[in-house]
Amino acid sequence: MIQRMLARLMPVILGALVIVSVISAVAASNTVPTTRLTNQSLSITMSQLVPPACAGLNLTAIVVCPNNSNDCDGTSSNELILGAPGTQNLSGGGGADCIVASTAASTNCHRVSGMEIFINCGKVV
């Protein structure tokens, strides 16, 4: 009796195994082309970096101060000067500058031309 039941179930079991094998073979043969989505680069314009308080200035350059530098100075151009952590003194060097300090407590911002806008400075001298 058990042999008869196994004889009847054997084609069903073999059919299920064939179906599972076909499905896995079809899935394995599908390939997804490389899209290089992770290799995208986006350029940033100065207008995306300028804080709203400095929007009225005609800025022409960006100065990024190095980390832990004692002093960071701009030039005579109108610049966006971005202070880095550990920078002690920020100076525009002339022109209408937007000076953004990274940490207010330890940063001295120096007024040179009188047209500077200071953001997050601990002390303006």
PDB file of N, CA and C in Angstrom:
ATOM      1  N   MET A   1       0.807  -1.185   0.000  1.00  0.00           N
ATOM      2  CA  MET A   1       0.000   0.000   0.000  1.00  0.00           C
ATOM      3  C   MET A   1       0.863   1.267   0.000  1.00  0.00           C
ATOM      4  N   ILE A   2       1.910   1.276   0.776  1.00  0.00           N
ATOM      5  CA  ILE A   2       2.813   2.421   0.810  1.00  0.00           C
ATOM      6  C   ILE A   2       3.504   2.563  -0.546  1.00  0.00           C
ATOM      7  N   GLN A   3       3.827   1.415  -1.163  1.00  0.00           N
ATOM      8  CA  GLN A   3       4.483   1.481  -2.462  1.00  0.00           C
ATOM      9  C   GLN A   3       3.560   2.075  -3.511  1.00  0.00           C
ATOM     10  N   ARG A   4       2.279   1.741  -3.465  1.00  0.00           N
ATOM     11  CA  ARG A   4       1.337   2.312  -4.423  1.00  0.00           C
ATOM     12  C   ARG A   4       1.220   3.825  -4.228  1.00  0.00           C
ATOM     13  N   MET A   5       1.161   4.259  -2.955  1.00  0.00           N
ATOM     14  CA  MET A   5       1.025   5.687  -2.693  1.00  0.00           C
ATOM     15  C   MET A   5       2.282   6.436  -3.154  1.00  0.00           C
ATOM     16  N   LEU A   6       3.447   5.860  -2.939  1.00  0.00           N
ATOM     17  CA  LEU A   6       4.679   6.471  -3.409  1.00  0.00           C
ATOM     18  C   LEU A   6       4.737   6.497  -4.936  1.00  0.00           C
ATOM     19  N   ALA A   7       4.230   5.463  -5.562  1.00  0.00           N
ATOM     20  CA  ALA A   7       4.215   5.421  -7.017  1.00  0.00           C
ATOM     21  C   ALA A   7       3.317   6.523  -7.586  1.00  0.00           C
ATOM     22  N   ARG A   8       2.221   6.831  -6.899  1.00  0.00           N
ATOM     23  CA  ARG A   8       1.327   7.901  -7.366  1.00  0.00           C
ATOM     24  C   ARG A   8       1.931   9.287  -7.097  1.00  0.00           C
ATOM     25  N   LEU A   9       2.622   9.443  -5.975  1.00  0.00           N
ATOM     26  CA  LEU A   9       3.193  10.741  -5.624  1.00  0.00           C
ATOM     27  C   LEU A   9       4.486  11.057  -6.378  1.00  0.00           C
ATOM     28  N   MET A  10       5.166  10.053  -6.850  1.00  0.00           N
ATOM     29  CA  MET A  10       6.446  10.252  -7.525  1.00  0.00           C
ATOM     30  C   MET A  10       6.332  11.210  -8.725  1.00  0.00           C
ATOM     31  N   PRO A  11       5.377  11.100  -9.623  1.00  0.00           N
ATOM     32  CA  PRO A  11       5.275  12.055 -10.734  1.00  0.00           C
ATOM     33  C   PRO A  11       4.995  13.484 -10.248  1.00  0.00           C
ATOM     34  N   VAL A  12       4.203  13.614  -9.197  1.00  0.00           N
ATOM     35  CA  VAL A  12       3.912  14.953  -8.658  1.00  0.00           C
ATOM     36  C   VAL A  12       5.179  15.566  -8.086  1.00  0.00           C
ATOM     37  N   ILE A  13       5.960  14.799  -7.332  1.00  0.00           N
ATOM     38  CA  ILE A  13       7.208  15.287  -6.742  1.00  0.00           C
ATOM     39  C   ILE A  13       8.202  15.647  -7.837  1.00  0.00           C
ATOM     40  N   LEU A  14       8.335  14.793  -8.846  1.00  0.00           N
ATOM     41  CA  LEU A  14       9.252  15.089  -9.964  1.00  0.00           C
ATOM     42  C   LEU A  14       8.807  16.331 -10.720  1.00  0.00           C
ATOM     43  N   GLY A  15       7.503  16.493 -10.925  1.00  0.00           N
ATOM     44  CA  GLY A  15       6.982  17.691 -11.595  1.00  0.00           C
ATOM     45  C   GLY A  15       7.303  18.958 -10.809  1.00  0.00           C
ATOM     46  N   ALA A  16       7.143  18.901  -9.475  1.00  0.00           N
ATOM     47  CA  ALA A  16       7.468  20.051  -8.630  1.00  0.00           C
ATOM     48  C   ALA A  16       8.953  20.373  -8.712  1.00  0.00           C
ATOM     49  N   LEU A  17       9.806  19.367  -8.714  1.00  0.00           N
ATOM     50  CA  LEU A  17      11.244  19.592  -8.833  1.00  0.00           C
ATOM     51  C   LEU A  17      11.612  20.213 -10.174  1.00  0.00           C
ATOM     52  N   VAL A  18      10.960  19.788 -11.233  1.00  0.00           N
ATOM     53  CA  VAL A  18      11.220  20.366 -12.560  1.00  0.00           C
ATOM     54  C   VAL A  18      10.812  21.830 -12.581  1.00  0.00           C
ATOM     55  N   ILE A  19       9.652  22.154 -12.018  1.00  0.00           N
ATOM     56  CA  ILE A  19       9.178  23.545 -12.006  1.00  0.00           C
ATOM     57  C   ILE A  19      10.132  24.430 -11.205  1.00  0.00           C
ATOM     58  N   VAL A  20      10.557  23.980 -10.034  1.00  0.00           N
ATOM     59  CA  VAL A  20      11.501  24.755  -9.217  1.00  0.00           C
ATOM     60  C   VAL A  20      12.816  24.949  -9.954  1.00  0.00           C
ATOM     61  N   SER A  21      13.295  23.926 -10.645  1.00  0.00           N
ATOM     62  CA  SER A  21      14.549  24.030 -11.401  1.00  0.00           C
ATOM     63  C   SER A  21      14.427  25.025 -12.537  1.00  0.00           C
ATOM     64  N   VAL A  22      13.310  25.012 -13.238  1.00  0.00           N
ATOM     65  CA  VAL A  22      13.101  25.950 -14.352  1.00  0.00           C
ATOM     66  C   VAL A  22      13.042  27.380 -13.848  1.00  0.00           C
ATOM     67  N   ILE A  23      12.329  27.595 -12.752  1.00  0.00           N
ATOM     68  CA  ILE A  23      12.221  28.958 -12.203  1.00  0.00           C
ATOM     69  C   ILE A  23      13.587  29.479 -11.786  1.00  0.00           C
ATOM     70  N   SER A  24      14.377  28.670 -11.107  1.00  0.00           N
ATOM     71  CA  SER A  24      15.696  29.134 -10.682  1.00  0.00           C
ATOM     72  C   SER A  24      16.630  29.336 -11.868  1.00  0.00           C
ATOM     73  N   ALA A  25      16.495  28.541 -12.915  1.00  0.00           N
ATOM     74  CA  ALA A  25      17.329  28.717 -14.106  1.00  0.00           C
ATOM     75  C   ALA A  25      16.976  30.010 -14.828  1.00  0.00           C
ATOM     76  N   VAL A  26      15.701  30.347 -14.901  1.00  0.00           N
ATOM     77  CA  VAL A  26      15.277  31.597 -15.553  1.00  0.00           C
ATOM     78  C   VAL A  26      15.776  32.795 -14.753  1.00  0.00           C
ATOM     79  N   ALA A  27      15.662  32.731 -13.425  1.00  0.00           N
ATOM     80  CA  ALA A  27      16.126  33.831 -12.583  1.00  0.00           C
ATOM     81  C   ALA A  27      17.637  33.999 -12.684  1.00  0.00           C
ATOM     82  N   ALA A  28      18.378  32.934 -12.796  1.00  0.00           N
ATOM     83  CA  ALA A  28      19.837  33.009 -12.876  1.00  0.00           C
ATOM     84  C   ALA A  28      20.310  33.562 -14.214  1.00  0.00           C
ATOM     85  N   SER A  29      19.502  33.423 -15.246  1.00  0.00           N
ATOM     86  CA  SER A  29      19.926  33.902 -16.562  1.00  0.00           C
ATOM     87  C   SER A  29      19.631  35.389 -16.774  1.00  0.00           C
ATOM     88  N   ASN A  30      18.858  36.004 -15.891  1.00  0.00           N
ATOM     89  CA  ASN A  30      18.590  37.440 -16.012  1.00  0.00           C
ATOM     90  C   ASN A  30      19.809  38.229 -15.570  1.00  0.00           C
ATOM     91  N   THR A  31      20.176  39.223 -16.353  1.00  0.00           N
ATOM     92  CA  THR A  31      21.291  40.085 -15.982  1.00  0.00           C
ATOM     93  C   THR A  31      20.808  41.527 -15.930  1.00  0.00           C
ATOM     94  N   VAL A  32      21.341  42.292 -14.990  1.00  0.00           N
ATOM     95  CA  VAL A  32      21.026  43.705 -14.848  1.00  0.00           C
ATOM     96  C   VAL A  32      22.253  44.481 -15.311  1.00  0.00           C
ATOM     97  N   PRO A  33      22.094  45.365 -16.282  1.00  0.00           N
ATOM     98  CA  PRO A  33      23.259  46.101 -16.783  1.00  0.00           C
ATOM     99  C   PRO A  33      23.798  47.075 -15.725  1.00  0.00           C
ATOM    100  N   THR A  34      25.074  47.345 -15.801  1.00  0.00           N
ATOM    101  CA  THR A  34      25.710  48.295 -14.901  1.00  0.00           C
ATOM    102  C   THR A  34      25.256  49.695 -15.257  1.00  0.00           C
ATOM    103  N   THR A  35      24.803  50.453 -14.259  1.00  0.00           N
ATOM    104  CA  THR A  35      24.291  51.802 -14.522  1.00  0.00           C
ATOM    105  C   THR A  35      25.246  52.896 -14.081  1.00  0.00           C
ATOM    106  N   ARG A  36      26.187  52.596 -13.240  1.00  0.00           N
ATOM    107  CA  ARG A  36      27.148  53.566 -12.725  1.00  0.00           C
ATOM    108  C   ARG A  36      26.468  54.700 -11.953  1.00  0.00           C
ATOM    109  N   LEU A  37      25.362  54.422 -11.304  1.00  0.00           N
ATOM    110  CA  LEU A  37      24.673  55.446 -10.528  1.00  0.00           C
ATOM    111  C   LEU A  37      25.516  55.950  -9.368  1.00  0.00           C
ATOM    112  N   THR A  38      26.376  55.130  -8.839  1.00  0.00           N
ATOM    113  CA  THR A  38      27.196  55.573  -7.716  1.00  0.00           C
ATOM    114  C   THR A  38      28.350  56.463  -8.156  1.00  0.00           C
ATOM    115  N   ASN A  39      28.614  56.590  -9.435  1.00  0.00           N
ATOM    116  CA  ASN A  39      29.730  57.382  -9.933  1.00  0.00           C
ATOM    117  C   ASN A  39      29.298  58.751 -10.432  1.00  0.00           C
ATOM    118  N   GLN A  40      28.207  59.270  -9.910  1.00  0.00           N
ATOM    119  CA  GLN A  40      27.740  60.579 -10.358  1.00  0.00           C
ATOM    120  C   GLN A  40      28.397  61.676  -9.542  1.00  0.00           C
ATOM    121  N   SER A  41      28.681  62.791 -10.185  1.00  0.00           N
ATOM    122  CA  SER A  41      29.192  63.951  -9.473  1.00  0.00           C
ATOM    123  C   SER A  41      28.342  65.159  -9.848  1.00  0.00           C
ATOM    124  N   LEU A  42      28.086  65.973  -8.870  1.00  0.00           N
ATOM    125  CA  LEU A  42      27.282  67.168  -9.072  1.00  0.00           C
ATOM    126  C   LEU A  42      28.134  68.381  -8.749  1.00  0.00           C
ATOM    127  N   SER A  43      28.111  69.357  -9.614  1.00  0.00           N
ATOM    128  CA  SER A  43      28.866  70.567  -9.325  1.00  0.00           C
ATOM    129  C   SER A  43      28.009  71.499  -8.473  1.00  0.00           C
ATOM    130  N   ILE A  44      28.662  72.196  -7.563  1.00  0.00           N
ATOM    131  CA  ILE A  44      27.983  73.124  -6.664  1.00  0.00           C
ATOM    132  C   ILE A  44      28.367  74.535  -7.068  1.00  0.00           C
ATOM    133  N   THR A  45      27.377  75.382  -7.199  1.00  0.00           N
ATOM    134  CA  THR A  45      27.648  76.780  -7.527  1.00  0.00           C
ATOM    135  C   THR A  45      27.795  77.585  -6.243  1.00  0.00           C
ATOM    136  N   MET A  46      28.401  78.740  -6.354  1.00  0.00           N
ATOM    137  CA  MET A  46      28.596  79.577  -5.185  1.00  0.00           C
ATOM    138  C   MET A  46      27.256  80.006  -4.586  1.00  0.00           C
ATOM    139  N   SER A  47      26.267  80.226  -5.416  1.00  0.00           N
ATOM    140  CA  SER A  47      24.963  80.672  -4.910  1.00  0.00           C
ATOM    141  C   SER A  47      24.317  79.626  -4.002  1.00  0.00           C
ATOM    142  N   GLN A  48      24.698  78.356  -4.134  1.00  0.00           N
ATOM    143  CA  GLN A  48      24.170  77.317  -3.254  1.00  0.00           C
ATOM    144  C   GLN A  48      24.846  77.333  -1.888  1.00  0.00           C
ATOM    145  N   LEU A  49      26.025  77.920  -1.778  1.00  0.00           N
ATOM    146  CA  LEU A  49      26.767  77.958  -0.524  1.00  0.00           C
ATOM    147  C   LEU A  49      26.566  79.250   0.256  1.00  0.00           C
ATOM    148  N   VAL A  50      26.199  80.328  -0.421  1.00  0.00           N
ATOM    149  CA  VAL A  50      26.098  81.635   0.220  1.00  0.00           C
ATOM    150  C   VAL A  50      24.916  81.658   1.185  1.00  0.00           C
ATOM    151  N   PRO A  51      25.160  82.030   2.456  1.00  0.00           N
ATOM    152  CA  PRO A  51      24.061  82.143   3.415  1.00  0.00           C
ATOM    153  C   PRO A  51      23.110  83.273   3.011  1.00  0.00           C
ATOM    154  N   PRO A  52      21.840  83.198   3.404  1.00  0.00           N
ATOM    155  CA  PRO A  52      20.873  84.248   3.041  1.00  0.00           C
ATOM    156  C   PRO A  52      21.299  85.645   3.496  1.00  0.00           C
ATOM    157  N   ALA A  53      22.009  85.743   4.612  1.00  0.00           N
ATOM    158  CA  ALA A  53      22.445  87.054   5.103  1.00  0.00           C
ATOM    159  C   ALA A  53      23.419  87.729   4.147  1.00  0.00           C
ATOM    160  N   CYS A  54      24.090  86.950   3.318  1.00  0.00           N
ATOM    161  CA  CYS A  54      25.091  87.493   2.387  1.00  0.00           C
ATOM    162  C   CYS A  54      24.604  87.531   0.948  1.00  0.00           C
ATOM    163  N   ALA A  55      23.321  87.304   0.737  1.00  0.00           N
ATOM    164  CA  ALA A  55      22.795  87.207  -0.627  1.00  0.00           C
ATOM    165  C   ALA A  55      22.971  88.494  -1.426  1.00  0.00           C
ATOM    166  N   GLY A  56      23.022  89.652  -0.763  1.00  0.00           N
ATOM    167  CA  GLY A  56      23.151  90.919  -1.474  1.00  0.00           C
ATOM    168  C   GLY A  56      24.560  91.254  -1.919  1.00  0.00           C
ATOM    169  N   LEU A  57      25.545  90.487  -1.476  1.00  0.00           N
ATOM    170  CA  LEU A  57      26.933  90.761  -1.858  1.00  0.00           C
ATOM    171  C   LEU A  57      27.240  90.145  -3.215  1.00  0.00           C
ATOM    172  N   ASN A  58      28.076  90.841  -3.988  1.00  0.00           N
ATOM    173  CA  ASN A  58      28.508  90.327  -5.284  1.00  0.00           C
ATOM    174  C   ASN A  58      29.803  89.540  -5.076  1.00  0.00           C
ATOM    175  N   LEU A  59      29.681  88.302  -4.600  1.00  0.00           N
ATOM    176  CA  LEU A  59      30.856  87.490  -4.273  1.00  0.00           C
ATOM    177  C   LEU A  59      31.442  86.867  -5.528  1.00  0.00           C
ATOM    178  N   THR A  60      32.770  86.854  -5.599  1.00  0.00           N
ATOM    179  CA  THR A  60      33.439  86.364  -6.808  1.00  0.00           C
ATOM    180  C   THR A  60      34.307  85.133  -6.571  1.00  0.00           C
ATOM    181  N   ALA A  61      34.569  84.790  -5.312  1.00  0.00           N
ATOM    182  CA  ALA A  61      35.461  83.654  -5.031  1.00  0.00           C
ATOM    183  C   ALA A  61      35.089  83.024  -3.698  1.00  0.00           C
ATOM    184  N   ILE A  62      35.573  81.797  -3.504  1.00  0.00           N
ATOM    185  CA  ILE A  62      35.376  81.078  -2.246  1.00  0.00           C
ATOM    186  C   ILE A  62      36.745  80.779  -1.649  1.00  0.00           C
ATOM    187  N   VAL A  63      36.901  81.070  -0.359  1.00  0.00           N
ATOM    188  CA  VAL A  63      38.121  80.722   0.370  1.00  0.00           C
ATOM    189  C   VAL A  63      37.715  79.717   1.433  1.00  0.00           C
ATOM    190  N   VAL A  64      38.294  78.522   1.381  1.00  0.00           N
ATOM    191  CA  VAL A  64      38.028  77.496   2.385  1.00  0.00           C
ATOM    192  C   VAL A  64      39.260  77.392   3.263  1.00  0.00           C
ATOM    193  N   CYS A  65      39.086  77.688   4.541  1.00  0.00           N
ATOM    194  CA  CYS A  65      40.214  77.677   5.470  1.00  0.00           C
ATOM    195  C   CYS A  65      40.569  76.249   5.858  1.00  0.00           C
ATOM    196  N   PRO A  66      41.855  75.951   6.009  1.00  0.00           N
ATOM    197  CA  PRO A  66      42.261  74.598   6.428  1.00  0.00           C
ATOM    198  C   PRO A  66      41.933  74.354   7.903  1.00  0.00           C
ATOM    199  N   ASN A  67      41.739  73.102   8.262  1.00  0.00           N
ATOM    200  CA  ASN A  67      41.465  72.730   9.654  1.00  0.00           C
ATOM    201  C   ASN A  67      42.639  73.101  10.546  1.00  0.00           C
ATOM    202  N   ASN A  68      42.305  73.560  11.748  1.00  0.00           N
ATOM    203  CA  ASN A  68      43.285  73.853  12.795  1.00  0.00           C
ATOM    204  C   ASN A  68      44.354  74.852  12.379  1.00  0.00           C
ATOM    205  N   SER A  69      44.014  75.753  11.472  1.00  0.00           N
ATOM    206  CA  SER A  69      44.971  76.806  11.127  1.00  0.00           C
ATOM    207  C   SER A  69      44.734  77.972  12.084  1.00  0.00           C
ATOM    208  N   ASN A  70      45.788  78.662  12.429  1.00  0.00           N
ATOM    209  CA  ASN A  70      45.644  79.782  13.358  1.00  0.00           C
ATOM    210  C   ASN A  70      44.984  80.964  12.674  1.00  0.00           C
ATOM    211  N   ASP A  71      45.386  81.275  11.450  1.00  0.00           N
ATOM    212  CA  ASP A  71      44.852  82.422  10.720  1.00  0.00           C
ATOM    213  C   ASP A  71      44.395  81.994   9.334  1.00  0.00           C
ATOM    214  N   CYS A  72      43.356  82.665   8.859  1.00  0.00           N
ATOM    215  CA  CYS A  72      42.885  82.442   7.491  1.00  0.00           C
ATOM    216  C   CYS A  72      42.457  83.794   6.940  1.00  0.00           C
ATOM    217  N   ASP A  73      43.116  84.213   5.876  1.00  0.00           N
ATOM    218  CA  ASP A  73      42.871  85.534   5.313  1.00  0.00           C
ATOM    219  C   ASP A  73      42.371  85.439   3.887  1.00  0.00           C
ATOM    220  N   GLY A  74      41.484  86.355   3.551  1.00  0.00           N
ATOM    221  CA  GLY A  74      41.024  86.482   2.178  1.00  0.00           C
ATOM    222  C   GLY A  74      41.929  87.426   1.412  1.00  0.00           C
ATOM    223  N   THR A  75      41.478  87.811   0.228  1.00  0.00           N
ATOM    224  CA  THR A  75      42.232  88.753  -0.601  1.00  0.00           C
ATOM    225  C   THR A  75      41.410  90.035  -0.740  1.00  0.00           C
ATOM    226  N   SER A  76      41.764  90.882  -1.666  1.00  0.00           N
ATOM    227  CA  SER A  76      41.023  92.134  -1.857  1.00  0.00           C
ATOM    228  C   SER A  76      39.733  91.929  -2.645  1.00  0.00           C
ATOM    229  N   SER A  77      39.470  90.715  -3.103  1.00  0.00           N
ATOM    230  CA  SER A  77      38.233  90.422  -3.845  1.00  0.00           C
ATOM    231  C   SER A  77      37.059  90.257  -2.882  1.00  0.00           C
ATOM    232  N   ASN A  78      35.850  90.250  -3.437  1.00  0.00           N
ATOM    233  CA  ASN A  78      34.652  89.954  -2.659  1.00  0.00           C
ATOM    234  C   ASN A  78      34.531  88.440  -2.555  1.00  0.00           C
ATOM    235  N   GLU A  79      34.682  87.892  -1.344  1.00  0.00           N
ATOM    236  CA  GLU A  79      34.801  86.447  -1.187  1.00  0.00           C
ATOM    237  C   GLU A  79      33.836  85.896  -0.140  1.00  0.00           C
ATOM    238  N   LEU A  80      33.509  84.629  -0.317  1.00  0.00           N
ATOM    239  CA  LEU A  80      32.847  83.843   0.708  1.00  0.00           C
ATOM    240  C   LEU A  80      33.961  83.094   1.418  1.00  0.00           C
ATOM    241  N   ILE A  81      34.190  83.404   2.691  1.00  0.00           N
ATOM    242  CA  ILE A  81      35.274  82.794   3.449  1.00  0.00           C
ATOM    243  C   ILE A  81      34.649  81.828   4.451  1.00  0.00           C
ATOM    244  N   LEU A  82      34.990  80.542   4.308  1.00  0.00           N
ATOM    245  CA  LEU A  82      34.431  79.491   5.151  1.00  0.00           C
ATOM    246  C   LEU A  82      35.476  79.028   6.144  1.00  0.00           C
ATOM    247  N   GLY A  83      35.260  79.332   7.416  1.00  0.00           N
ATOM    248  CA  GLY A  83      36.186  78.929   8.463  1.00  0.00           C
ATOM    249  C   GLY A  83      36.058  77.446   8.756  1.00  0.00           C
ATOM    250  N   ALA A  84      37.144  76.829   9.131  1.00  0.00           N
ATOM    251  CA  ALA A  84      37.163  75.405   9.464  1.00  0.00           C
ATOM    252  C   ALA A  84      37.306  75.247  10.974  1.00  0.00           C
ATOM    253  N   PRO A  85      36.990  74.070  11.497  1.00  0.00           N
ATOM    254  CA  PRO A  85      37.174  73.851  12.934  1.00  0.00           C
ATOM    255  C   PRO A  85      38.620  74.097  13.350  1.00  0.00           C
ATOM    256  N   GLY A  86      38.792  74.828  14.432  1.00  0.00           N
ATOM    257  CA  GLY A  86      40.128  75.105  14.934  1.00  0.00           C
ATOM    258  C   GLY A  86      40.736  76.373  14.399  1.00  0.00           C
ATOM    259  N   THR A  87      40.118  77.039  13.435  1.00  0.00           N
ATOM    260  CA  THR A  87      40.655  78.297  12.914  1.00  0.00           C
ATOM    261  C   THR A  87      40.380  79.393  13.938  1.00  0.00           C
ATOM    262  N   GLN A  88      41.409  80.119  14.342  1.00  0.00           N
ATOM    263  CA  GLN A  88      41.279  81.111  15.407  1.00  0.00           C
ATOM    264  C   GLN A  88      40.928  82.502  14.895  1.00  0.00           C
ATOM    265  N   ASN A  89      41.496  82.909  13.763  1.00  0.00           N
ATOM    266  CA  ASN A  89      41.306  84.267  13.260  1.00  0.00           C
ATOM    267  C   ASN A  89      40.912  84.237  11.795  1.00  0.00           C
ATOM    268  N   LEU A  90      39.813  84.923  11.469  1.00  0.00           N
ATOM    269  CA  LEU A  90      39.356  85.037  10.085  1.00  0.00           C
ATOM    270  C   LEU A  90      39.380  86.504   9.690  1.00  0.00           C
ATOM    271  N   SER A  91      39.932  86.780   8.521  1.00  0.00           N
ATOM    272  CA  SER A  91      40.014  88.154   8.042  1.00  0.00           C
ATOM    273  C   SER A  91      39.698  88.178   6.554  1.00  0.00           C
ATOM    274  N   GLY A  92      38.885  89.153   6.159  1.00  0.00           N
ATOM    275  CA  GLY A  92      38.498  89.265   4.760  1.00  0.00           C
ATOM    276  C   GLY A  92      39.591  89.807   3.868  1.00  0.00           C
ATOM    277  N   GLY A  93      40.424  90.661   4.375  1.00  0.00           N
ATOM    278  CA  GLY A  93      41.511  91.204   3.576  1.00  0.00           C
ATOM    279  C   GLY A  93      41.081  92.305   2.633  1.00  0.00           C
ATOM    280  N   GLY A  94      39.898  92.827   2.726  1.00  0.00           N
ATOM    281  CA  GLY A  94      39.398  93.885   1.862  1.00  0.00           C
ATOM    282  C   GLY A  94      38.254  93.382   1.017  1.00  0.00           C
ATOM    283  N   GLY A  95      37.504  94.280   0.448  1.00  0.00           N
ATOM    284  CA  GLY A  95      36.347  93.891  -0.356  1.00  0.00           C
ATOM    285  C   GLY A  95      35.137  93.637   0.523  1.00  0.00           C
ATOM    286  N   ALA A  96      34.026  93.348  -0.098  1.00  0.00           N
ATOM    287  CA  ALA A  96      32.791  93.025   0.616  1.00  0.00           C
ATOM    288  C   ALA A  96      32.742  91.511   0.771  1.00  0.00           C
ATOM    289  N   ASP A  97      33.124  91.042   1.947  1.00  0.00           N
ATOM    290  CA  ASP A  97      33.264  89.607   2.175  1.00  0.00           C
ATOM    291  C   ASP A  97      32.152  89.076   3.069  1.00  0.00           C
ATOM    292  N   CYS A  98      31.824  87.802   2.872  1.00  0.00           N
ATOM    293  CA  CYS A  98      30.923  87.070   3.755  1.00  0.00           C
ATOM    294  C   CYS A  98      31.790  86.064   4.499  1.00  0.00           C
ATOM    295  N   ILE A  99      31.959  86.284   5.808  1.00  0.00           N
ATOM    296  CA  ILE A  99      32.853  85.447   6.599  1.00  0.00           C
ATOM    297  C   ILE A  99      32.000  84.571   7.505  1.00  0.00           C
ATOM    298  N   VAL A 100      32.129  83.245   7.325  1.00  0.00           N
ATOM    299  CA  VAL A 100      31.338  82.277   8.095  1.00  0.00           C
ATOM    300  C   VAL A 100      32.299  81.442   8.933  1.00  0.00           C
ATOM    301  N   ALA A 101      32.211  81.614  10.267  1.00  0.00           N
ATOM    302  CA  ALA A 101      33.049  80.834  11.177  1.00  0.00           C
ATOM    303  C   ALA A 101      32.370  79.503  11.470  1.00  0.00           C
ATOM    304  N   SER A 102      33.171  78.481  11.738  1.00  0.00           N
ATOM    305  CA  SER A 102      32.576  77.166  12.017  1.00  0.00           C
ATOM    306  C   SER A 102      32.186  77.023  13.479  1.00  0.00           C
ATOM    307  N   THR A 103      32.963  77.617  14.384  1.00  0.00           N
ATOM    308  CA  THR A 103      32.639  77.566  15.811  1.00  0.00           C
ATOM    309  C   THR A 103      32.740  78.970  16.377  1.00  0.00           C
ATOM    310  N   ALA A 104      31.677  79.435  16.987  1.00  0.00           N
ATOM    311  CA  ALA A 104      31.619  80.822  17.433  1.00  0.00           C
ATOM    312  C   ALA A 104      32.532  81.110  18.617  1.00  0.00           C
ATOM    313  N   ALA A 105      32.646  80.206  19.548  1.00  0.00           N
ATOM    314  CA  ALA A 105      33.315  80.501  20.809  1.00  0.00           C
ATOM    315  C   ALA A 105      34.787  80.870  20.645  1.00  0.00           C
ATOM    316  N   SER A 106      35.477  80.225  19.727  1.00  0.00           N
ATOM    317  CA  SER A 106      36.929  80.419  19.652  1.00  0.00           C
ATOM    318  C   SER A 106      37.384  81.196  18.421  1.00  0.00           C
ATOM    319  N   THR A 107      36.474  81.790  17.676  1.00  0.00           N
ATOM    320  CA  THR A 107      36.872  82.433  16.428  1.00  0.00           C
ATOM    321  C   THR A 107      36.766  83.952  16.529  1.00  0.00           C
ATOM    322  N   ASN A 108      37.870  84.631  16.205  1.00  0.00           N
ATOM    323  CA  ASN A 108      37.883  86.089  16.098  1.00  0.00           C
ATOM    324  C   ASN A 108      37.777  86.456  14.628  1.00  0.00           C
ATOM    325  N   CYS A 109      36.843  87.315  14.299  1.00  0.00           N
ATOM    326  CA  CYS A 109      36.685  87.786  12.921  1.00  0.00           C
ATOM    327  C   CYS A 109      37.138  89.234  12.865  1.00  0.00           C
ATOM    328  N   HIS A 110      37.974  89.528  11.896  1.00  0.00           N
ATOM    329  CA  HIS A 110      38.590  90.858  11.815  1.00  0.00           C
ATOM    330  C   HIS A 110      37.947  91.689  10.704  1.00  0.00           C
ATOM    331  N   ARG A 111      37.516  92.895  11.094  1.00  0.00           N
ATOM    332  CA  ARG A 111      36.914  93.830  10.142  1.00  0.00           C
ATOM    333  C   ARG A 111      38.049  94.579   9.448  1.00  0.00           C
ATOM    334  N   VAL A 112      38.081  94.536   8.116  1.00  0.00           N
ATOM    335  CA  VAL A 112      39.137  95.196   7.352  1.00  0.00           C
ATOM    336  C   VAL A 112      38.558  96.316   6.498  1.00  0.00           C
ATOM    337  N   SER A 113      37.579  96.014   5.664  1.00  0.00           N
ATOM    338  CA  SER A 113      37.050  97.002   4.733  1.00  0.00           C
ATOM    339  C   SER A 113      35.813  97.720   5.264  1.00  0.00           C
ATOM    340  N   GLY A 114      35.189  97.170   6.273  1.00  0.00           N
ATOM    341  CA  GLY A 114      33.952  97.760   6.780  1.00  0.00           C
ATOM    342  C   GLY A 114      32.719  97.271   6.039  1.00  0.00           C
ATOM    343  N   MET A 115      32.900  96.450   5.005  1.00  0.00           N
ATOM    344  CA  MET A 115      31.769  95.937   4.223  1.00  0.00           C
ATOM    345  C   MET A 115      31.538  94.446   4.460  1.00  0.00           C
ATOM    346  N   GLU A 116      32.219  93.874   5.450  1.00  0.00           N
ATOM    347  CA  GLU A 116      32.104  92.451   5.715  1.00  0.00           C
ATOM    348  C   GLU A 116      30.779  92.122   6.401  1.00  0.00           C
ATOM    349  N   ILE A 117      30.317  90.911   6.178  1.00  0.00           N
ATOM    350  CA  ILE A 117      29.192  90.354   6.930  1.00  0.00           C
ATOM    351  C   ILE A 117      29.747  89.140   7.658  1.00  0.00           C
ATOM    352  N   PHE A 118      29.539  89.110   8.986  1.00  0.00           N
ATOM    353  CA  PHE A 118      30.085  88.047   9.828  1.00  0.00           C
ATOM    354  C   PHE A 118      28.958  87.125  10.294  1.00  0.00           C
ATOM    355  N   ILE A 119      29.196  85.840  10.202  1.00  0.00           N
ATOM    356  CA  ILE A 119      28.232  84.851  10.658  1.00  0.00           C
ATOM    357  C   ILE A 119      28.942  83.869  11.594  1.00  0.00           C
ATOM    358  N   ASN A 120      28.389  83.688  12.773  1.00  0.00           N
ATOM    359  CA  ASN A 120      28.856  82.708  13.749  1.00  0.00           C
ATOM    360  C   ASN A 120      30.238  83.050  14.327  1.00  0.00           C
ATOM    361  N   CYS A 121      30.601  84.315  14.344  1.00  0.00           N
ATOM    362  CA  CYS A 121      31.892  84.709  14.912  1.00  0.00           C
ATOM    363  C   CYS A 121      31.747  84.907  16.413  1.00  0.00           C
ATOM    364  N   GLY A 122      32.767  84.491  17.163  1.00  0.00           N
ATOM    365  CA  GLY A 122      32.748  84.689  18.605  1.00  0.00           C
ATOM    366  C   GLY A 122      32.986  86.145  18.961  1.00  0.00           C
ATOM    367  N   LYS A 123      33.861  86.807  18.219  1.00  0.00           N
ATOM    368  CA  LYS A 123      34.213  88.198  18.519  1.00  0.00           C
ATOM    369  C   LYS A 123      34.612  88.873  17.215  1.00  0.00           C
ATOM    370  N   VAL A 124      34.094  90.073  16.989  1.00  0.00           N
ATOM    371  CA  VAL A 124      34.466  90.851  15.807  1.00  0.00           C
ATOM    372  C   VAL A 124      35.371  91.987  16.277  1.00  0.00           C
ATOM    373  N   VAL A 125      36.589  92.005  15.706  1.00  0.00           N
ATOM    374  CA  VAL A 125      37.563  93.047  16.110  1.00  0.00           C
ATOM    375  C   VAL A 125      37.989  93.866  14.917  1.00  0.00           C
TER     376      VAL A 125
END
